[in-house]
Amino acid sequence: MSAMPTLDWVSDPVPKLRAGYAAQRASISQFSAQTVDIAETSFASGTGLCFTPQELREGADILYFHGGGWIVGSPWTHQTLCSWMAQMTGLRVFAAPYGLAPEHKFPAQADQAAEIAEQFAVGRDQIVLAGDSAGGAMVLWAAGGMASRAKIQGMVSLYGAFGGLEGPSHDAFGDNSEGLNDTALRVMYGHLGCEDVSDFRARLSKAGAPLLLVKAQCDPIADDNDWLAAHTDHPITHLLAKDQPHAFLQACGTDRSAEAVMGQIAAWIRGLAKA
């Protein structure tokens, strides 16, 4: 098998980044949870994926927003992660596509997150919103823009990106990160049209449903979790994944420690129905 391409998040053109990122994630799709059925489904934003566990529990459906710095990624690049979330929660997970930068500039993503979630909520009494990295912001944008936000039972941010460009976690882990050093982050936010993150942060939901913040201890953007916790009235549960890097939950299926954290996330989601 040929080696996966090395991606230069600062200098590579966006099409190359998308192709390389998709190839990297396709190489781990074989580790998706085996007891989950995966099928295409439609969203307001286009075609995505539905993950249905063979042992389906009663509970709210999960709407998932993928990460990728708003410039790469798709429901397919997060197939492994979403399949394990479905298996461990026993709930259906729906992974939605959305418009990527630089073709689509902010606030297009914030508007689309709310539109996707609003359509998803039609015919459902309650929903759970979840997402990783850039998808963490999509979750908060969706919650902030929905007219029917009362249907949100809970929200999950997996190592979310909330506009932080410097800080202790950047200093500690940025040099050894894959694509998340300070220069690369500024390029990503630049593609999004958010060199100034004030408007970006202003669109994040400030109050409402319970929020699970999952922070990877060795993540350059770990500080984003602390910033968000200090600037929201959402009831927050903190979950620290010790010794883990950014995007570690993509290793479910091959890493017992990642699966253990996913198990904790799943337990929190299941507990929402009892609250």
Protein backbone atom coordinates (compact mmCIF):
# COMPACT_ATOMS: atom_id res chain seq x y z
CA MET A 1 0.00 0.00 0.00
CA SER A 2 1.33 3.43 -0.88
CA ALA A 3 1.99 5.85 1.96
CA MET A 4 -0.63 8.46 2.77
CA PRO A 5 0.20 11.94 1.47
CA THR A 6 1.77 14.41 3.88
CA LEU A 7 -0.44 17.48 4.04
CA ASP A 8 0.95 21.00 4.36
CA TRP A 9 -1.98 22.92 5.84
CA VAL A 10 -0.24 26.24 5.32
CA SER A 11 0.97 25.96 1.73
CA ASP A 12 -0.95 23.17 -0.05
CA PRO A 13 -3.88 24.24 -2.25
CA VAL A 14 -7.29 23.38 -0.84
CA PRO A 15 -8.10 20.69 -3.48
CA LYS A 16 -4.93 18.82 -2.54
CA LEU A 17 -5.77 19.09 1.16
CA ARG A 18 -9.27 17.72 0.56
CA ALA A 19 -8.05 14.79 -1.51
CA GLY A 20 -5.30 13.92 0.95
CA TYR A 21 -7.57 14.21 3.98
CA ALA A 22 -10.21 12.04 2.32
CA ALA A 23 -7.57 9.41 1.49
CA GLN A 24 -6.31 9.39 5.07
CA ARG A 25 -9.80 8.89 6.47
CA ALA A 26 -10.74 6.29 3.85
CA SER A 27 -7.78 4.23 5.03
CA ILE A 28 -9.39 3.80 8.47
CA SER A 29 -12.97 3.19 7.33
CA GLN A 30 -12.35 -0.55 7.66
CA PHE A 31 -12.31 -0.03 11.43
CA SER A 32 -15.89 1.22 11.54
CA ALA A 33 -18.13 -0.51 14.07
CA GLN A 34 -19.31 -3.77 12.55
CA THR A 35 -22.75 -3.82 14.17
CA VAL A 36 -23.85 -0.54 12.59
CA ASP A 37 -25.65 -0.20 9.26
CA ILE A 38 -24.50 2.76 7.16
CA ALA A 39 -26.71 4.28 4.46
CA GLU A 40 -26.94 7.52 2.53
CA THR A 41 -29.62 10.01 3.57
CA SER A 42 -30.73 13.50 2.58
CA PHE A 43 -30.32 16.79 4.43
CA ALA A 44 -31.19 20.37 3.63
CA SER A 45 -27.52 20.69 2.61
CA GLY A 46 -27.25 17.57 0.42
CA THR A 47 -26.44 13.89 0.83
CA GLY A 48 -25.01 12.59 4.07
CA LEU A 49 -24.90 9.36 6.04
CA CYS A 50 -27.14 7.62 8.57
CA PHE A 51 -25.60 5.20 11.08
CA THR A 52 -28.12 2.77 12.57
CA PRO A 53 -26.99 0.37 15.31
CA GLN A 54 -28.37 -3.15 14.98
CA GLU A 55 -29.36 -2.98 18.66
CA LEU A 56 -31.31 0.28 18.52
CA ARG A 57 -32.33 1.86 21.83
CA GLU A 58 -35.12 4.35 22.46
CA GLY A 59 -33.82 7.88 22.45
CA ALA A 60 -33.24 11.04 20.46
CA ASP A 61 -31.53 10.92 17.08
CA ILE A 62 -28.07 12.51 16.91
CA LEU A 63 -27.24 15.11 14.26
CA TYR A 64 -23.48 15.16 13.63
CA PHE A 65 -21.31 17.90 12.10
CA HIS A 66 -17.88 16.78 10.89
CA GLY A 67 -14.58 18.54 11.52
CA GLY A 68 -11.85 19.55 9.09
CA GLY A 69 -11.17 23.22 9.71
CA TRP A 70 -14.21 24.19 7.61
CA ILE A 71 -12.09 23.51 4.50
CA VAL A 72 -11.93 19.71 4.28
CA GLY A 73 -13.98 16.72 5.38
CA SER A 74 -17.39 15.17 4.81
CA PRO A 75 -19.69 12.65 6.47
CA TRP A 76 -17.56 9.95 4.81
CA THR A 77 -14.31 11.16 6.39
CA HIS A 78 -15.94 10.71 9.79
CA GLN A 79 -17.56 7.36 9.09
CA THR A 80 -15.45 5.48 11.64
CA LEU A 81 -16.08 7.94 14.47
CA CYS A 82 -19.81 8.21 13.79
CA SER A 83 -20.23 4.45 13.56
CA TRP A 84 -18.71 3.98 17.00
CA MET A 85 -20.86 6.75 18.44
CA ALA A 86 -23.93 4.97 17.05
CA GLN A 87 -22.84 1.58 18.37
CA MET A 88 -22.02 2.81 21.87
CA THR A 89 -25.06 5.05 22.31
CA GLY A 90 -27.45 2.61 20.64
CA LEU A 91 -28.91 5.64 18.84
CA ARG A 92 -29.06 6.66 15.20
CA VAL A 93 -26.39 9.15 14.13
CA PHE A 94 -26.99 11.35 11.08
CA ALA A 95 -23.86 12.98 9.61
CA ALA A 96 -24.67 16.07 7.55
CA PRO A 97 -22.63 17.79 4.83
CA TYR A 98 -22.18 21.56 4.75
CA GLY A 99 -20.57 24.17 2.51
CA LEU A 100 -16.79 24.36 2.89
CA ALA A 101 -14.48 27.36 2.72
CA PRO A 102 -13.08 29.16 0.84
CA GLU A 103 -15.97 28.69 -1.64
CA HIS A 104 -18.40 29.41 1.21
CA LYS A 105 -17.39 32.16 3.62
CA PHE A 106 -18.64 32.75 7.16
CA PRO A 107 -21.43 33.28 8.16
CA ALA A 108 -22.62 30.77 5.53
CA GLN A 109 -21.64 27.84 7.79
CA ALA A 110 -23.44 29.30 10.81
CA ASP A 111 -26.58 29.92 8.79
CA GLN A 112 -26.43 26.46 7.23
CA ALA A 113 -25.89 24.74 10.59
CA ALA A 114 -29.15 26.24 11.85
CA GLU A 115 -30.97 25.39 8.62
CA ILE A 116 -29.79 21.76 8.71
CA ALA A 117 -30.75 21.36 12.36
CA GLU A 118 -34.12 23.03 11.87
CA GLN A 119 -35.04 20.66 9.06
CA PHE A 120 -33.69 17.71 11.04
CA ALA A 121 -35.92 18.60 13.99
CA VAL A 122 -39.09 18.45 11.90
CA GLY A 123 -41.09 15.41 12.99
CA ARG A 124 -38.82 14.76 15.98
CA ASP A 125 -39.68 15.64 19.57
CA GLN A 126 -36.03 15.88 20.65
CA ILE A 127 -32.60 15.82 19.02
CA VAL A 128 -28.98 15.72 20.12
CA LEU A 129 -26.38 17.84 18.33
CA ALA A 130 -22.77 16.65 18.13
CA GLY A 131 -19.62 17.54 16.23
CA ASP A 132 -15.83 17.50 16.36
CA SER A 133 -13.30 20.31 15.95
CA ALA A 134 -14.86 22.72 13.41
CA GLY A 135 -18.05 20.70 13.89
CA GLY A 136 -18.08 21.79 17.54
CA ALA A 137 -18.65 25.35 16.38
CA MET A 138 -21.30 24.11 13.96
CA VAL A 139 -23.15 22.61 16.94
CA LEU A 140 -23.15 25.93 18.82
CA TRP A 141 -24.09 27.87 15.68
CA ALA A 142 -26.98 25.48 15.03
CA ALA A 143 -28.25 25.86 18.58
CA GLY A 144 -27.95 29.63 18.40
CA GLY A 145 -29.85 29.96 15.14
CA MET A 146 -32.65 27.41 15.43
CA ALA A 147 -36.21 28.59 15.92
CA SER A 148 -37.07 25.23 17.54
CA ARG A 149 -34.02 25.10 19.82
CA ALA A 150 -36.26 23.83 22.63
CA LYS A 151 -36.11 20.43 20.90
CA ILE A 152 -32.36 20.15 21.59
CA GLN A 153 -31.97 17.60 24.36
CA GLY A 154 -28.22 17.98 24.59
CA MET A 155 -25.08 19.00 22.71
CA VAL A 156 -21.66 17.37 22.38
CA SER A 157 -18.47 19.15 21.32
CA LEU A 158 -15.48 16.91 20.65
CA TYR A 159 -12.28 18.99 20.92
CA GLY A 160 -14.19 21.93 19.43
CA ALA A 161 -12.69 24.93 17.64
CA PHE A 162 -14.08 28.23 18.94
CA GLY A 163 -11.79 30.89 17.55
CA GLY A 164 -8.68 30.54 19.70
CA LEU A 165 -5.45 31.45 17.91
CA GLU A 166 -2.94 31.48 20.76
CA GLY A 167 -2.55 30.42 24.37
CA PRO A 168 -0.89 27.86 26.66
CA SER A 169 -2.14 24.79 24.78
CA HIS A 170 -0.91 26.27 21.48
CA ASP A 171 2.50 26.90 23.02
CA ALA A 172 2.70 23.42 24.56
CA PHE A 173 1.49 21.28 21.67
CA GLY A 174 1.38 23.37 18.49
CA ASP A 175 4.86 22.53 17.25
CA ASN A 176 4.19 18.80 17.16
CA SER A 177 0.61 18.88 15.94
CA GLU A 178 -0.64 17.65 12.59
CA GLY A 179 -1.91 20.81 10.96
CA LEU A 180 -2.85 22.75 14.08
CA ASN A 181 0.14 24.99 14.67
CA ASP A 182 -0.66 28.69 15.00
CA THR A 183 0.21 29.51 11.39
CA ALA A 184 -2.00 26.73 10.03
CA LEU A 185 -4.89 27.79 12.26
CA ARG A 186 -4.69 31.35 10.99
CA VAL A 187 -4.75 30.03 7.42
CA MET A 188 -7.88 27.96 8.18
CA TYR A 189 -9.69 30.89 9.78
CA GLY A 190 -8.52 33.03 6.85
CA HIS A 191 -10.08 30.63 4.34
CA LEU A 192 -13.27 30.91 6.37
CA GLY A 193 -13.09 34.71 6.22
CA CYS A 194 -12.64 35.05 9.98
CA GLU A 195 -9.25 36.69 10.46
CA ASP A 196 -11.14 38.60 13.16
CA VAL A 197 -13.04 35.99 15.19
CA SER A 198 -15.40 38.45 16.93
CA ASP A 199 -18.37 37.76 14.64
CA PHE A 200 -17.50 34.04 14.60
CA ARG A 201 -17.80 33.89 18.39
CA ALA A 202 -20.85 36.16 18.54
CA ARG A 203 -22.89 33.56 16.63
CA LEU A 204 -22.18 30.77 19.13
CA SER A 205 -25.14 29.81 21.32
CA LYS A 206 -24.95 31.33 24.79
CA ALA A 207 -27.64 29.41 26.68
CA GLY A 208 -29.94 26.43 26.44
CA ALA A 209 -29.45 22.67 26.48
CA PRO A 210 -26.76 20.82 28.46
CA LEU A 211 -23.37 20.75 26.72
CA LEU A 212 -20.65 18.12 26.97
CA LEU A 213 -17.19 19.59 26.31
CA VAL A 214 -14.65 16.89 25.48
CA LYS A 215 -11.11 18.26 25.72
CA ALA A 216 -8.06 16.34 24.49
CA GLN A 217 -5.25 17.06 26.91
CA CYS A 218 -2.50 17.24 24.25
CA ASP A 219 -4.53 19.26 21.75
CA PRO A 220 -3.16 22.62 20.55
CA ILE A 221 -6.69 24.05 20.68
CA ALA A 222 -7.56 22.61 24.08
CA ASP A 223 -7.80 26.17 25.41
CA ASP A 224 -10.83 26.77 23.18
CA ASN A 225 -12.84 24.61 25.57
CA ASP A 226 -11.89 26.81 28.51
CA TRP A 227 -12.75 29.98 26.60
CA LEU A 228 -16.17 28.64 25.68
CA ALA A 229 -16.90 27.49 29.23
CA ALA A 230 -16.18 31.02 30.46
CA HIS A 231 -18.45 32.63 27.86
CA THR A 232 -21.63 30.56 27.95
CA ASP A 233 -24.54 29.88 30.28
CA HIS A 234 -25.16 26.39 28.90
CA PRO A 235 -24.98 23.79 31.69
CA ILE A 236 -21.57 22.23 30.99
CA THR A 237 -20.11 18.82 31.71
CA HIS A 238 -16.34 18.65 31.20
CA LEU A 239 -14.63 15.48 30.01
CA LEU A 240 -10.83 15.52 29.84
CA ALA A 241 -9.23 12.88 27.61
CA LYS A 242 -5.83 12.49 29.26
CA ASP A 243 -2.74 12.22 27.06
CA GLN A 244 -4.84 12.38 23.89
CA PRO A 245 -4.19 14.56 20.80
CA HIS A 246 -6.66 16.42 18.64
CA ALA A 247 -8.95 14.12 16.59
CA PHE A 248 -8.07 11.07 18.68
CA LEU A 249 -11.60 9.66 18.44
CA GLN A 250 -10.94 8.81 14.79
CA ALA A 251 -8.87 5.95 16.26
CA CYS A 252 -11.92 4.11 17.61
CA GLY A 253 -11.72 0.55 16.32
CA THR A 254 -7.95 0.42 16.79
CA ASP A 255 -7.34 2.17 20.11
CA ARG A 256 -8.92 0.99 23.36
CA SER A 257 -8.29 4.32 25.11
CA ALA A 258 -10.20 6.20 22.39
CA GLU A 259 -13.03 3.70 22.66
CA ALA A 260 -13.10 4.15 26.42
CA VAL A 261 -13.63 7.90 26.02
CA MET A 262 -16.31 7.28 23.40
CA GLY A 263 -17.97 5.03 25.96
CA GLN A 264 -18.05 7.93 28.44
CA ILE A 265 -19.50 10.23 25.78
CA ALA A 266 -22.15 7.63 24.96
CA ALA A 267 -23.08 7.25 28.63
CA TRP A 268 -23.58 11.02 28.91
CA ILE A 269 -25.80 11.08 25.82
CA ARG A 270 -27.89 8.15 27.08
CA GLY A 271 -28.23 9.89 30.41
CA LEU A 272 -29.92 12.89 28.81
CA ALA A 273 -33.13 10.90 28.46
CA LYS A 274 -33.16 10.30 32.24
CA ALA A 275 -32.46 13.90 33.25
